[in-house]
């Protein structure tokens, strides 16, 4: 069930990208990649939710700065 919810949220977030600027798209994409990476590393360390939150924040910040550079 969780996989189905995660897949639905991923598809909804990708569909929302059509009216975004390049900078917003970069922040969202990098945030998503960061969240997945943080989730995996957090699961290995014992705190997947915290890992996902930190990864999403770091990825979004990187994506926003990278696109603006």
Protein backbone atom coordinates (compact mmCIF):
# COMPACT_ATOMS: atom_id res chain seq x y z
CA UNK A 1 0.00 0.00 0.00
CA UNK A 2 2.82 2.41 0.85
CA UNK A 3 4.43 1.75 -2.52
CA UNK A 4 1.20 2.64 -4.29
CA UNK A 5 0.88 5.89 -2.34
CA UNK A 6 4.52 6.78 -3.03
CA UNK A 7 4.08 6.09 -6.75
CA UNK A 8 0.93 8.23 -6.88
CA UNK A 9 2.68 11.12 -5.13
CA UNK A 10 5.64 10.85 -7.49
CA UNK A 11 3.40 10.95 -10.56
CA UNK A 12 1.46 13.90 -9.16
CA UNK A 13 4.66 15.83 -8.48
CA UNK A 14 5.96 15.15 -11.99
CA UNK A 15 2.68 16.29 -13.55
CA UNK A 16 2.91 19.53 -11.59
CA UNK A 17 6.19 20.46 -13.32
CA UNK A 18 4.57 21.68 -16.53
CA UNK A 19 3.93 25.25 -15.34
CA UNK A 20 7.16 25.70 -13.40
CA UNK A 21 10.22 27.75 -14.26
CA UNK A 22 13.51 25.97 -14.92
CA UNK A 23 14.76 26.95 -11.48
CA UNK A 24 11.67 25.55 -9.78
CA UNK A 25 11.95 22.33 -11.79
CA UNK A 26 15.62 21.98 -10.84
CA UNK A 27 14.84 22.49 -7.15
CA UNK A 28 12.02 19.93 -7.26
CA UNK A 29 14.07 17.37 -9.15
CA UNK A 30 17.11 17.71 -6.92
CA UNK A 31 14.87 17.69 -3.84
CA UNK A 32 13.29 14.43 -4.96
CA UNK A 33 16.66 12.82 -5.63
CA UNK A 34 17.91 14.09 -2.27
CA UNK A 35 14.87 12.72 -0.47
CA UNK A 36 15.33 9.27 -1.99
CA UNK A 37 19.05 9.28 -1.19
CA UNK A 38 18.39 10.49 2.33
CA UNK A 39 15.70 7.86 2.80
CA UNK A 40 18.07 5.08 1.78
CA UNK A 41 20.95 6.33 3.91
CA UNK A 42 18.59 7.05 6.80
CA UNK A 43 17.15 3.55 6.60
CA UNK A 44 20.66 2.11 6.87
CA UNK A 45 21.37 4.36 9.87
CA UNK A 46 18.01 3.74 11.56
CA UNK A 47 16.18 7.02 10.84
CA UNK A 48 14.63 6.95 7.35
CA UNK A 49 12.18 9.83 7.88
CA UNK A 50 14.83 12.20 9.17
CA UNK A 51 17.17 11.12 6.38
CA UNK A 52 14.52 11.81 3.76
CA UNK A 53 13.72 15.23 5.21
CA UNK A 54 17.38 16.27 5.38
CA UNK A 55 18.04 14.89 1.89
CA UNK A 56 15.04 16.69 0.42
CA UNK A 57 16.07 20.00 1.94
CA UNK A 58 19.67 19.67 0.84
CA UNK A 59 18.69 18.54 -2.65
CA UNK A 60 16.19 21.35 -3.13
CA UNK A 61 18.72 23.93 -1.98
CA UNK A 62 21.37 22.50 -4.29
CA UNK A 63 18.96 22.39 -7.24
CA UNK A 64 17.85 25.99 -6.72
CA UNK A 65 21.42 27.25 -6.44
CA UNK A 66 22.72 25.14 -9.32
CA UNK A 67 20.08 26.34 -11.77
CA UNK A 68 20.62 29.96 -10.77
CA UNK A 69 24.39 29.74 -11.30
